[in-house]
Amino acid sequence: MGVGLDIHHRSDKYNFCGQNSELARAAKRRNKTARQNSNVFAMFDQRQIGEFKEAFSFIDQNADGLIDRNDLQEILTSLGRPPTEEELEGMLAELPEGSPGLNFTLFLAMMGERMQGIDTEADLLNAFEVLDERRTGHISSDLLREYFTTMGDRLCEEEFDLMLRGTELDANGHINYRHFVKTLTHAEEEQNEGQ
């Protein structure tokens, strides 16, 4: 009669085959972080990485290469918005368990994750083309105002006016939405070219 080790009936903490074991959850977190980190630099061009590095350095108040609780508290307080303990906990909840802070690679991965929901130039063009029944490349600014202020994530009138500021209207009060989308998605590049 041999002695067997039945790990299926141990407590959840040691149940290596169980979906909910602490070890399985920790391994999943490590694997997810490793997957995110392995291709994070391919998600952005050099200019974007430079901008994120600048933002990271700004937040990393003590310049130790990690964004931690103290950095978050200092930066938010200096911006006139001291965080509550609950807000800090919420911000730090995405860190891998036991991590002393957020390094630049993980910061990039988190930014990439959040940016995946941002509309691309092609997505925006498709949305405007739906409104352009005659396929002229132009849309009435009044029609845009109606859509932007009454549907979806609504803008107030002032926000809409601010968004359209500097946009050329033709004699009929229409905008060239292709140019408008390019301006929205490449505003920083156009600003740099104009300097």
N, C-alpha and C. Protein backbone atom coordinates (compact mmCIF):
# COMPACT_ATOMS: atom_id res chain seq x y z
N MET A 1 0.84 -1.16 0.00
CA MET A 1 0.00 0.00 0.00
C MET A 1 0.89 1.24 0.00
N GLY A 2 0.80 2.01 -1.08
CA GLY A 2 1.64 3.19 -1.20
C GLY A 2 0.98 4.40 -0.58
N VAL A 3 1.81 5.35 -0.25
CA VAL A 3 1.30 6.60 0.30
C VAL A 3 1.16 7.59 -0.84
N GLY A 4 -0.03 8.07 -1.05
CA GLY A 4 -0.27 9.04 -2.13
C GLY A 4 -0.52 10.42 -1.58
N LEU A 5 -0.25 11.39 -2.38
CA LEU A 5 -0.50 12.77 -1.99
C LEU A 5 -1.66 13.29 -2.84
N ASP A 6 -2.78 13.46 -2.21
CA ASP A 6 -3.96 13.94 -2.94
C ASP A 6 -4.08 15.44 -2.73
N ILE A 7 -3.51 16.20 -3.64
CA ILE A 7 -3.54 17.66 -3.49
C ILE A 7 -4.89 18.26 -3.83
N HIS A 8 -5.79 17.46 -4.41
CA HIS A 8 -7.10 17.99 -4.77
C HIS A 8 -7.97 18.26 -3.55
N HIS A 9 -7.67 17.62 -2.41
CA HIS A 9 -8.52 17.77 -1.25
C HIS A 9 -7.90 18.64 -0.17
N ARG A 10 -6.85 19.28 -0.47
CA ARG A 10 -6.23 20.18 0.51
C ARG A 10 -6.98 21.51 0.52
N SER A 11 -6.57 22.36 1.41
CA SER A 11 -7.23 23.67 1.48
C SER A 11 -6.99 24.43 0.18
N ASP A 12 -7.80 25.42 -0.07
CA ASP A 12 -7.72 26.20 -1.31
C ASP A 12 -6.33 26.78 -1.52
N LYS A 13 -5.67 27.14 -0.43
CA LYS A 13 -4.34 27.75 -0.54
C LYS A 13 -3.34 26.82 -1.21
N TYR A 14 -3.49 25.52 -1.02
CA TYR A 14 -2.53 24.56 -1.56
C TYR A 14 -3.10 23.72 -2.69
N ASN A 15 -4.29 24.00 -3.13
CA ASN A 15 -4.94 23.23 -4.18
C ASN A 15 -4.38 23.67 -5.52
N PHE A 16 -3.28 23.05 -5.95
CA PHE A 16 -2.59 23.47 -7.17
C PHE A 16 -3.43 23.26 -8.41
N CYS A 17 -4.39 22.36 -8.38
CA CYS A 17 -5.23 22.10 -9.55
C CYS A 17 -6.46 22.98 -9.55
N GLY A 18 -6.75 23.60 -8.44
CA GLY A 18 -7.97 24.41 -8.33
C GLY A 18 -7.85 25.73 -9.06
N GLN A 19 -8.93 26.15 -9.66
CA GLN A 19 -8.96 27.41 -10.39
C GLN A 19 -8.75 28.60 -9.46
N ASN A 20 -9.19 28.48 -8.22
CA ASN A 20 -9.19 29.63 -7.33
C ASN A 20 -8.05 29.65 -6.33
N SER A 21 -7.08 28.78 -6.47
CA SER A 21 -6.02 28.75 -5.48
C SER A 21 -5.21 30.04 -5.54
N GLU A 22 -4.65 30.40 -4.41
CA GLU A 22 -3.83 31.62 -4.35
C GLU A 22 -2.65 31.52 -5.30
N LEU A 23 -2.05 30.35 -5.38
CA LEU A 23 -0.89 30.18 -6.27
C LEU A 23 -1.30 30.33 -7.73
N ALA A 24 -2.46 29.78 -8.09
CA ALA A 24 -2.92 29.90 -9.48
C ALA A 24 -3.21 31.35 -9.82
N ARG A 25 -3.83 32.07 -8.89
CA ARG A 25 -4.12 33.49 -9.15
C ARG A 25 -2.82 34.28 -9.29
N ALA A 26 -1.85 34.01 -8.43
CA ALA A 26 -0.57 34.72 -8.50
C ALA A 26 0.14 34.41 -9.82
N ALA A 27 0.08 33.16 -10.25
CA ALA A 27 0.72 32.78 -11.51
C ALA A 27 0.04 33.48 -12.69
N LYS A 28 -1.28 33.57 -12.65
CA LYS A 28 -2.00 34.27 -13.72
C LYS A 28 -1.59 35.73 -13.77
N ARG A 29 -1.47 36.38 -12.60
CA ARG A 29 -1.05 37.79 -12.56
C ARG A 29 0.35 37.94 -13.15
N ARG A 30 1.27 37.04 -12.76
CA ARG A 30 2.64 37.11 -13.28
C ARG A 30 2.66 36.91 -14.78
N ASN A 31 1.89 35.92 -15.27
CA ASN A 31 1.85 35.65 -16.71
C ASN A 31 1.26 36.83 -17.48
N LYS A 32 0.20 37.44 -16.94
CA LYS A 32 -0.41 38.59 -17.60
C LYS A 32 0.59 39.74 -17.66
N THR A 33 1.27 40.00 -16.56
CA THR A 33 2.26 41.07 -16.53
C THR A 33 3.38 40.78 -17.50
N ALA A 34 3.84 39.54 -17.56
CA ALA A 34 4.92 39.17 -18.49
C ALA A 34 4.48 39.36 -19.93
N ARG A 35 3.23 38.96 -20.24
CA ARG A 35 2.72 39.14 -21.61
C ARG A 35 2.64 40.62 -21.95
N GLN A 36 2.14 41.43 -21.01
CA GLN A 36 2.03 42.86 -21.27
C GLN A 36 3.41 43.47 -21.49
N ASN A 37 4.36 43.11 -20.66
CA ASN A 37 5.69 43.70 -20.74
C ASN A 37 6.44 43.24 -21.98
N SER A 38 6.15 42.06 -22.50
CA SER A 38 6.94 41.51 -23.60
C SER A 38 6.76 42.28 -24.89
N ASN A 39 5.60 42.89 -25.11
CA ASN A 39 5.40 43.60 -26.36
C ASN A 39 5.03 45.06 -26.17
N VAL A 40 5.20 45.58 -24.98
CA VAL A 40 4.74 46.93 -24.69
C VAL A 40 5.45 47.99 -25.52
N PHE A 41 6.73 47.81 -25.81
CA PHE A 41 7.46 48.82 -26.56
C PHE A 41 7.07 48.81 -28.04
N ALA A 42 6.50 47.72 -28.51
CA ALA A 42 6.05 47.65 -29.90
C ALA A 42 4.72 48.37 -30.09
N MET A 43 4.03 48.68 -29.00
CA MET A 43 2.73 49.34 -29.08
C MET A 43 2.83 50.82 -29.45
N PHE A 44 3.99 51.42 -29.20
CA PHE A 44 4.15 52.86 -29.35
C PHE A 44 5.34 53.19 -30.23
N ASP A 45 5.28 54.38 -30.87
CA ASP A 45 6.45 54.83 -31.61
C ASP A 45 7.39 55.56 -30.64
N GLN A 46 8.56 55.93 -31.10
CA GLN A 46 9.57 56.53 -30.22
C GLN A 46 9.09 57.84 -29.62
N ARG A 47 8.35 58.63 -30.39
CA ARG A 47 7.84 59.91 -29.88
C ARG A 47 6.90 59.66 -28.70
N GLN A 48 5.99 58.69 -28.85
CA GLN A 48 5.04 58.39 -27.79
C GLN A 48 5.76 57.87 -26.55
N ILE A 49 6.73 57.00 -26.75
CA ILE A 49 7.49 56.46 -25.61
C ILE A 49 8.19 57.60 -24.88
N GLY A 50 8.74 58.55 -25.64
CA GLY A 50 9.39 59.71 -25.03
C GLY A 50 8.41 60.54 -24.21
N GLU A 51 7.20 60.72 -24.72
CA GLU A 51 6.18 61.48 -23.99
C GLU A 51 5.77 60.76 -22.72
N PHE A 52 5.61 59.44 -22.81
CA PHE A 52 5.26 58.67 -21.62
C PHE A 52 6.40 58.70 -20.60
N LYS A 53 7.64 58.66 -21.07
CA LYS A 53 8.79 58.73 -20.17
C LYS A 53 8.80 60.06 -19.43
N GLU A 54 8.49 61.13 -20.15
CA GLU A 54 8.43 62.46 -19.54
C GLU A 54 7.33 62.50 -18.47
N ALA A 55 6.16 61.95 -18.79
CA ALA A 55 5.06 61.91 -17.82
C ALA A 55 5.44 61.06 -16.61
N PHE A 56 6.06 59.90 -16.87
CA PHE A 56 6.48 59.02 -15.79
C PHE A 56 7.45 59.75 -14.86
N SER A 57 8.43 60.43 -15.44
CA SER A 57 9.42 61.16 -14.64
C SER A 57 8.78 62.27 -13.83
N PHE A 58 7.76 62.91 -14.39
CA PHE A 58 7.05 63.97 -13.69
C PHE A 58 6.32 63.41 -12.47
N ILE A 59 5.71 62.25 -12.62
CA ILE A 59 4.97 61.63 -11.52
C ILE A 59 5.92 61.02 -10.49
N ASP A 60 7.05 60.48 -10.93
CA ASP A 60 8.04 59.86 -10.04
C ASP A 60 8.78 60.97 -9.30
N GLN A 61 8.12 61.55 -8.31
CA GLN A 61 8.62 62.72 -7.60
C GLN A 61 9.99 62.52 -6.95
N ASN A 62 10.27 61.32 -6.43
CA ASN A 62 11.55 61.09 -5.77
C ASN A 62 12.60 60.50 -6.70
N ALA A 63 12.28 60.38 -7.99
CA ALA A 63 13.21 59.93 -9.04
C ALA A 63 13.90 58.60 -8.72
N ASP A 64 13.14 57.66 -8.14
CA ASP A 64 13.73 56.35 -7.84
C ASP A 64 13.40 55.29 -8.89
N GLY A 65 12.73 55.70 -9.97
CA GLY A 65 12.41 54.76 -11.04
C GLY A 65 11.12 53.99 -10.82
N LEU A 66 10.40 54.33 -9.76
CA LEU A 66 9.12 53.69 -9.45
C LEU A 66 8.09 54.75 -9.07
N ILE A 67 6.87 54.56 -9.51
CA ILE A 67 5.78 55.40 -9.04
C ILE A 67 5.13 54.63 -7.90
N ASP A 68 5.19 55.20 -6.70
CA ASP A 68 4.62 54.53 -5.53
C ASP A 68 3.58 55.43 -4.87
N ARG A 69 3.08 54.98 -3.75
CA ARG A 69 2.03 55.70 -3.01
C ARG A 69 2.45 57.15 -2.73
N ASN A 70 3.68 57.34 -2.26
CA ASN A 70 4.14 58.69 -1.93
C ASN A 70 4.18 59.59 -3.17
N ASP A 71 4.66 59.04 -4.29
CA ASP A 71 4.70 59.82 -5.53
C ASP A 71 3.31 60.27 -5.94
N LEU A 72 2.35 59.34 -5.89
CA LEU A 72 0.98 59.67 -6.27
C LEU A 72 0.40 60.74 -5.35
N GLN A 73 0.64 60.58 -4.05
CA GLN A 73 0.12 61.54 -3.09
C GLN A 73 0.74 62.92 -3.33
N GLU A 74 2.06 62.97 -3.55
CA GLU A 74 2.73 64.25 -3.76
C GLU A 74 2.28 64.93 -5.04
N ILE A 75 2.18 64.18 -6.14
CA ILE A 75 1.83 64.80 -7.41
C ILE A 75 0.39 65.30 -7.38
N LEU A 76 -0.52 64.51 -6.84
CA LEU A 76 -1.92 64.94 -6.79
C LEU A 76 -2.10 66.13 -5.84
N THR A 77 -1.39 66.13 -4.73
CA THR A 77 -1.46 67.25 -3.80
C THR A 77 -0.90 68.51 -4.45
N SER A 78 0.21 68.38 -5.17
CA SER A 78 0.81 69.55 -5.83
C SER A 78 -0.10 70.09 -6.93
N LEU A 79 -0.97 69.25 -7.47
CA LEU A 79 -1.93 69.68 -8.49
C LEU A 79 -3.22 70.21 -7.86
N GLY A 80 -3.22 70.34 -6.52
CA GLY A 80 -4.38 70.89 -5.84
C GLY A 80 -5.50 69.89 -5.60
N ARG A 81 -5.19 68.61 -5.68
CA ARG A 81 -6.21 67.57 -5.50
C ARG A 81 -5.67 66.47 -4.59
N PRO A 82 -5.51 66.77 -3.28
CA PRO A 82 -4.99 65.74 -2.38
C PRO A 82 -5.90 64.51 -2.39
N PRO A 83 -5.33 63.33 -2.64
CA PRO A 83 -6.16 62.12 -2.73
C PRO A 83 -6.54 61.59 -1.35
N THR A 84 -7.68 60.91 -1.31
CA THR A 84 -8.07 60.22 -0.09
C THR A 84 -7.31 58.89 -0.06
N GLU A 85 -7.31 58.26 1.08
CA GLU A 85 -6.66 56.94 1.21
C GLU A 85 -7.33 55.94 0.27
N GLU A 86 -8.64 56.03 0.14
CA GLU A 86 -9.40 55.13 -0.73
C GLU A 86 -9.00 55.33 -2.20
N GLU A 87 -8.81 56.58 -2.61
CA GLU A 87 -8.40 56.85 -3.99
C GLU A 87 -7.01 56.29 -4.27
N LEU A 88 -6.10 56.46 -3.31
CA LEU A 88 -4.74 55.91 -3.47
C LEU A 88 -4.79 54.39 -3.59
N GLU A 89 -5.59 53.75 -2.74
CA GLU A 89 -5.72 52.29 -2.81
C GLU A 89 -6.24 51.86 -4.17
N GLY A 90 -7.22 52.58 -4.70
CA GLY A 90 -7.78 52.26 -6.01
C GLY A 90 -6.74 52.37 -7.11
N MET A 91 -5.91 53.40 -7.04
CA MET A 91 -4.87 53.59 -8.06
C MET A 91 -3.81 52.50 -7.99
N LEU A 92 -3.51 52.08 -6.79
CA LEU A 92 -2.44 51.09 -6.60
C LEU A 92 -2.94 49.65 -6.73
N ALA A 93 -4.24 49.46 -6.85
CA ALA A 93 -4.81 48.11 -6.91
C ALA A 93 -4.35 47.33 -8.13
N GLU A 94 -3.95 48.02 -9.19
CA GLU A 94 -3.54 47.33 -10.42
C GLU A 94 -2.09 46.85 -10.39
N LEU A 95 -1.36 47.23 -9.37
CA LEU A 95 0.03 46.78 -9.27
C LEU A 95 0.09 45.29 -8.98
N PRO A 96 1.11 44.61 -9.50
CA PRO A 96 1.28 43.20 -9.13
C PRO A 96 1.46 43.08 -7.62
N GLU A 97 0.90 42.03 -7.05
CA GLU A 97 0.96 41.82 -5.61
C GLU A 97 2.41 41.85 -5.11
N GLY A 98 2.63 42.61 -4.04
CA GLY A 98 3.96 42.71 -3.45
C GLY A 98 4.88 43.69 -4.14
N SER A 99 4.43 44.33 -5.19
CA SER A 99 5.28 45.27 -5.93
C SER A 99 5.44 46.56 -5.12
N PRO A 100 6.67 47.09 -5.05
CA PRO A 100 6.89 48.33 -4.32
C PRO A 100 6.39 49.56 -5.08
N GLY A 101 6.13 49.40 -6.36
CA GLY A 101 5.66 50.53 -7.16
C GLY A 101 5.59 50.15 -8.62
N LEU A 102 5.30 51.12 -9.43
CA LEU A 102 5.10 50.94 -10.86
C LEU A 102 6.36 51.36 -11.60
N ASN A 103 7.02 50.40 -12.28
CA ASN A 103 8.20 50.77 -13.07
C ASN A 103 7.74 51.27 -14.44
N PHE A 104 8.67 51.79 -15.23
CA PHE A 104 8.30 52.40 -16.50
C PHE A 104 7.67 51.40 -17.47
N THR A 105 8.17 50.19 -17.52
CA THR A 105 7.63 49.19 -18.44
C THR A 105 6.18 48.87 -18.10
N LEU A 106 5.88 48.69 -16.82
CA LEU A 106 4.51 48.42 -16.41
C LEU A 106 3.62 49.65 -16.64
N PHE A 107 4.19 50.84 -16.43
CA PHE A 107 3.47 52.08 -16.70
C PHE A 107 3.06 52.13 -18.17
N LEU A 108 4.00 51.80 -19.07
CA LEU A 108 3.70 51.77 -20.51
C LEU A 108 2.61 50.74 -20.82
N ALA A 109 2.70 49.58 -20.19
CA ALA A 109 1.70 48.53 -20.42
C ALA A 109 0.31 49.01 -20.00
N MET A 110 0.24 49.69 -18.86
CA MET A 110 -1.04 50.19 -18.38
C MET A 110 -1.58 51.29 -19.31
N MET A 111 -0.70 52.14 -19.80
CA MET A 111 -1.13 53.19 -20.74
C MET A 111 -1.64 52.55 -22.04
N GLY A 112 -0.95 51.54 -22.51
CA GLY A 112 -1.37 50.85 -23.72
C GLY A 112 -2.73 50.21 -23.56
N GLU A 113 -2.96 49.63 -22.39
CA GLU A 113 -4.25 49.01 -22.09
C GLU A 113 -5.37 50.04 -22.15
N ARG A 114 -5.10 51.20 -21.58
CA ARG A 114 -6.12 52.25 -21.57
C ARG A 114 -6.32 52.87 -22.95
N MET A 115 -5.27 52.94 -23.72
CA MET A 115 -5.37 53.57 -25.04
C MET A 115 -6.04 52.67 -26.06
N GLN A 116 -6.17 51.39 -25.76
CA GLN A 116 -6.84 50.48 -26.70
C GLN A 116 -8.28 50.88 -26.93
N GLY A 117 -8.88 51.57 -25.98
CA GLY A 117 -10.27 52.00 -26.14
C GLY A 117 -10.42 53.32 -26.87
N ILE A 118 -9.32 53.97 -27.20
CA ILE A 118 -9.37 55.26 -27.87
C ILE A 118 -9.58 55.07 -29.36
N ASP A 119 -10.47 55.87 -29.90
CA ASP A 119 -10.79 55.77 -31.33
C ASP A 119 -9.60 56.16 -32.19
N THR A 120 -9.36 55.40 -33.22
CA THR A 120 -8.31 55.71 -34.18
C THR A 120 -8.85 56.67 -35.22
N GLU A 121 -7.97 57.19 -36.04
CA GLU A 121 -8.38 58.09 -37.11
C GLU A 121 -9.41 57.40 -38.02
N ALA A 122 -9.17 56.13 -38.35
CA ALA A 122 -10.10 55.39 -39.21
C ALA A 122 -11.47 55.23 -38.55
N ASP A 123 -11.49 54.96 -37.24
CA ASP A 123 -12.76 54.83 -36.53
C ASP A 123 -13.55 56.13 -36.58
N LEU A 124 -12.86 57.24 -36.34
CA LEU A 124 -13.53 58.54 -36.37
C LEU A 124 -14.05 58.87 -37.76
N LEU A 125 -13.23 58.60 -38.78
CA LEU A 125 -13.69 58.85 -40.15
C LEU A 125 -14.93 58.04 -40.47
N ASN A 126 -14.94 56.77 -40.08
CA ASN A 126 -16.12 55.93 -40.31
C ASN A 126 -17.36 56.50 -39.64
N ALA A 127 -17.20 57.01 -38.42
CA ALA A 127 -18.34 57.59 -37.71
C ALA A 127 -18.87 58.82 -38.45
N PHE A 128 -17.98 59.67 -38.92
CA PHE A 128 -18.42 60.86 -39.66
C PHE A 128 -19.03 60.49 -41.00
N GLU A 129 -18.50 59.48 -41.65
CA GLU A 129 -19.02 59.07 -42.96
C GLU A 129 -20.47 58.59 -42.87
N VAL A 130 -20.84 58.03 -41.73
CA VAL A 130 -22.22 57.59 -41.53
C VAL A 130 -23.16 58.80 -41.61
N LEU A 131 -22.70 59.95 -41.12
CA LEU A 131 -23.52 61.16 -41.15
C LEU A 131 -23.50 61.85 -42.51
N ASP A 132 -22.53 61.53 -43.32
CA ASP A 132 -22.35 62.17 -44.64
C ASP A 132 -23.07 61.34 -45.70
N GLU A 133 -24.38 61.51 -45.77
CA GLU A 133 -25.20 60.68 -46.67
C GLU A 133 -24.81 60.83 -48.14
N ARG A 134 -24.39 62.03 -48.54
CA ARG A 134 -24.04 62.27 -49.95
C ARG A 134 -22.56 62.01 -50.26
N ARG A 135 -21.80 61.64 -49.24
CA ARG A 135 -20.37 61.33 -49.40
C ARG A 135 -19.59 62.51 -49.99
N THR A 136 -19.86 63.70 -49.46
CA THR A 136 -19.18 64.91 -49.95
C THR A 136 -17.90 65.21 -49.18
N GLY A 137 -17.77 64.61 -48.00
CA GLY A 137 -16.62 64.92 -47.15
C GLY A 137 -16.88 66.11 -46.24
N HIS A 138 -18.11 66.63 -46.29
CA HIS A 138 -18.50 67.78 -45.47
C HIS A 138 -19.76 67.46 -44.68
N ILE A 139 -19.84 68.03 -43.47
CA ILE A 139 -21.01 67.84 -42.61
C ILE A 139 -21.39 69.21 -42.05
N SER A 140 -22.68 69.42 -41.90
CA SER A 140 -23.19 70.66 -41.32
C SER A 140 -22.74 70.77 -39.86
N SER A 141 -22.24 71.95 -39.50
CA SER A 141 -21.83 72.15 -38.11
C SER A 141 -23.04 72.09 -37.18
N ASP A 142 -24.22 72.46 -37.68
CA ASP A 142 -25.45 72.36 -36.87
C ASP A 142 -25.79 70.90 -36.58
N LEU A 143 -25.63 70.03 -37.60
CA LEU A 143 -25.88 68.61 -37.40
C LEU A 143 -24.89 68.03 -36.39
N LEU A 144 -23.62 68.42 -36.52
CA LEU A 144 -22.62 67.96 -35.56
C LEU A 144 -22.96 68.42 -34.15
N ARG A 145 -23.36 69.69 -34.03
CA ARG A 145 -23.72 70.22 -32.71
C ARG A 145 -24.84 69.37 -32.11
N GLU A 146 -25.85 69.07 -32.92
CA GLU A 146 -26.97 68.26 -32.44
C GLU A 146 -26.49 66.90 -31.93
N TYR A 147 -25.67 66.22 -32.71
CA TYR A 147 -25.18 64.90 -32.31
C TYR A 147 -24.29 64.97 -31.07
N PHE A 148 -23.37 65.92 -31.05
CA PHE A 148 -22.42 65.99 -29.95
C PHE A 148 -23.04 66.46 -28.64
N THR A 149 -24.13 67.22 -28.71
CA THR A 149 -24.72 67.75 -27.48
C THR A 149 -25.97 67.00 -27.01
N THR A 150 -26.46 66.04 -27.82
CA THR A 150 -27.68 65.33 -27.41
C THR A 150 -27.54 63.82 -27.36
N MET A 151 -26.44 63.27 -27.87
CA MET A 151 -26.32 61.80 -27.94
C MET A 151 -25.01 61.31 -27.32
N GLY A 152 -25.03 60.07 -26.88
CA GLY A 152 -23.81 59.42 -26.37
C GLY A 152 -23.21 60.18 -25.21
N ASP A 153 -21.88 60.29 -25.19
CA ASP A 153 -21.18 61.08 -24.18
C ASP A 153 -21.32 62.54 -24.58
N ARG A 154 -22.36 63.17 -24.09
CA ARG A 154 -22.73 64.52 -24.53
C ARG A 154 -21.72 65.58 -24.11
N LEU A 155 -21.55 66.54 -25.00
CA LEU A 155 -20.77 67.74 -24.70
C LEU A 155 -21.76 68.86 -24.39
N CYS A 156 -21.36 69.79 -23.52
CA CYS A 156 -22.19 70.98 -23.36
C CYS A 156 -21.87 71.92 -24.53
N GLU A 157 -22.66 72.96 -24.70
CA GLU A 157 -22.48 73.88 -25.83
C GLU A 157 -21.08 74.48 -25.84
N GLU A 158 -20.57 74.86 -24.65
CA GLU A 158 -19.25 75.47 -24.56
C GLU A 158 -18.16 74.49 -24.99
N GLU A 159 -18.29 73.23 -24.58
CA GLU A 159 -17.31 72.21 -24.98
C GLU A 159 -17.33 71.99 -26.48
N PHE A 160 -18.52 71.98 -27.06
CA PHE A 160 -18.62 71.81 -28.51
C PHE A 160 -17.97 72.99 -29.22
N ASP A 161 -18.27 74.21 -28.76
CA ASP A 161 -17.67 75.40 -29.37
C ASP A 161 -16.15 75.36 -29.27
N LEU A 162 -15.65 74.92 -28.12
CA LEU A 162 -14.20 74.80 -27.93
C LEU A 162 -13.61 73.77 -28.88
N MET A 163 -14.31 72.66 -29.06
CA MET A 163 -13.82 71.61 -29.95
C MET A 163 -13.74 72.12 -31.39
N LEU A 164 -14.70 72.94 -31.80
CA LEU A 164 -14.72 73.43 -33.18
C LEU A 164 -13.88 74.69 -33.38
N ARG A 165 -13.37 75.26 -32.28
CA ARG A 165 -12.59 76.49 -32.42
C ARG A 165 -11.44 76.26 -33.39
N GLY A 166 -11.29 77.17 -34.33
CA GLY A 166 -10.21 77.08 -35.31
C GLY A 166 -10.54 76.21 -36.51
N THR A 167 -11.70 75.56 -36.49
CA THR A 167 -12.10 74.73 -37.62
C THR A 167 -12.77 75.62 -38.67
N GLU A 168 -12.32 75.51 -39.90
CA GLU A 168 -12.88 76.33 -40.97
C GLU A 168 -14.24 75.80 -41.41
N LEU A 169 -15.19 76.72 -41.54
CA LEU A 169 -16.51 76.39 -42.06
C LEU A 169 -16.60 76.94 -43.48
N ASP A 170 -17.26 76.19 -44.36
CA ASP A 170 -17.46 76.72 -45.72
C ASP A 170 -18.63 77.71 -45.71
N ALA A 171 -18.99 78.24 -46.86
CA ALA A 171 -20.04 79.25 -46.97
C ALA A 171 -21.39 78.74 -46.47
N ASN A 172 -21.59 77.43 -46.48
CA ASN A 172 -22.86 76.84 -46.02
C ASN A 172 -22.84 76.42 -44.56
N GLY A 173 -21.76 76.72 -43.85
CA GLY A 173 -21.66 76.32 -42.44
C GLY A 173 -21.29 74.86 -42.25
N HIS A 174 -20.62 74.28 -43.25
CA HIS A 174 -20.20 72.88 -43.19
C HIS A 174 -18.70 72.79 -42.90
N ILE A 175 -18.31 71.70 -42.27
CA ILE A 175 -16.88 71.46 -42.05
C ILE A 175 -16.42 70.29 -42.91
N ASN A 176 -15.16 70.34 -43.28
CA ASN A 176 -14.52 69.21 -43.96
C ASN A 176 -14.13 68.24 -42.85
N TYR A 177 -14.91 67.17 -42.68
CA TYR A 177 -14.67 66.30 -41.53
C TYR A 177 -13.38 65.49 -41.66
N ARG A 178 -12.91 65.27 -42.86
CA ARG A 178 -11.63 64.55 -43.00
C ARG A 178 -10.50 65.39 -42.41
N HIS A 179 -10.52 66.68 -42.72
CA HIS A 179 -9.51 67.58 -42.15
C HIS A 179 -9.70 67.70 -40.64
N PHE A 180 -10.97 67.78 -40.21
CA PHE A 180 -11.29 67.90 -38.79
C PHE A 180 -10.77 66.69 -38.01
N VAL A 181 -10.98 65.48 -38.53
CA VAL A 181 -10.51 64.26 -37.88
C VAL A 181 -8.99 64.25 -37.82
N LYS A 182 -8.35 64.66 -38.90
CA LYS A 182 -6.89 64.73 -38.91
C LYS A 182 -6.39 65.70 -37.84
N THR A 183 -7.09 66.83 -37.71
CA THR A 183 -6.73 67.81 -36.69
C THR A 183 -6.90 67.21 -35.30
N LEU A 184 -8.00 66.50 -35.07
CA LEU A 184 -8.24 65.89 -33.76
C LEU A 184 -7.18 64.85 -33.42
N THR A 185 -6.82 64.02 -34.38
CA THR A 185 -5.92 62.90 -34.10
C THR A 185 -4.44 63.28 -34.20
N HIS A 186 -4.14 64.37 -34.87
CA HIS A 186 -2.74 64.77 -35.04
C HIS A 186 -2.49 66.20 -34.59
N ALA A 187 -3.28 66.67 -33.62
CA ALA A 187 -3.19 68.06 -33.19
C ALA A 187 -1.78 68.42 -32.74
N GLU A 188 -1.15 67.55 -31.98
CA GLU A 188 0.18 67.86 -31.47
C GLU A 188 1.20 67.92 -32.59
N GLU A 189 1.11 67.00 -33.55
CA GLU A 189 2.05 67.00 -34.67
C GLU A 189 1.91 68.29 -35.48
N GLU A 190 0.66 68.73 -35.72
CA GLU A 190 0.44 69.95 -36.48
C GLU A 190 0.96 71.15 -35.73
N GLN A 191 0.80 71.16 -34.39
CA GLN A 191 1.32 72.25 -33.58
C GLN A 191 2.83 72.33 -33.72
N ASN A 192 3.50 71.21 -33.64
CA ASN A 192 4.96 71.18 -33.74
C ASN A 192 5.44 71.63 -35.11
N GLU A 193 4.71 71.27 -36.18
CA GLU A 193 5.09 71.67 -37.52
C GLU A 193 4.95 73.17 -37.71
N GLY A 194 3.99 73.77 -37.02
CA GLY A 194 3.73 75.20 -37.16
C GLY A 194 4.72 76.06 -36.41
N GLN A 195 5.55 75.47 -35.58
CA GLN A 195 6.49 76.26 -34.76
C GLN A 195 7.80 76.47 -35.46
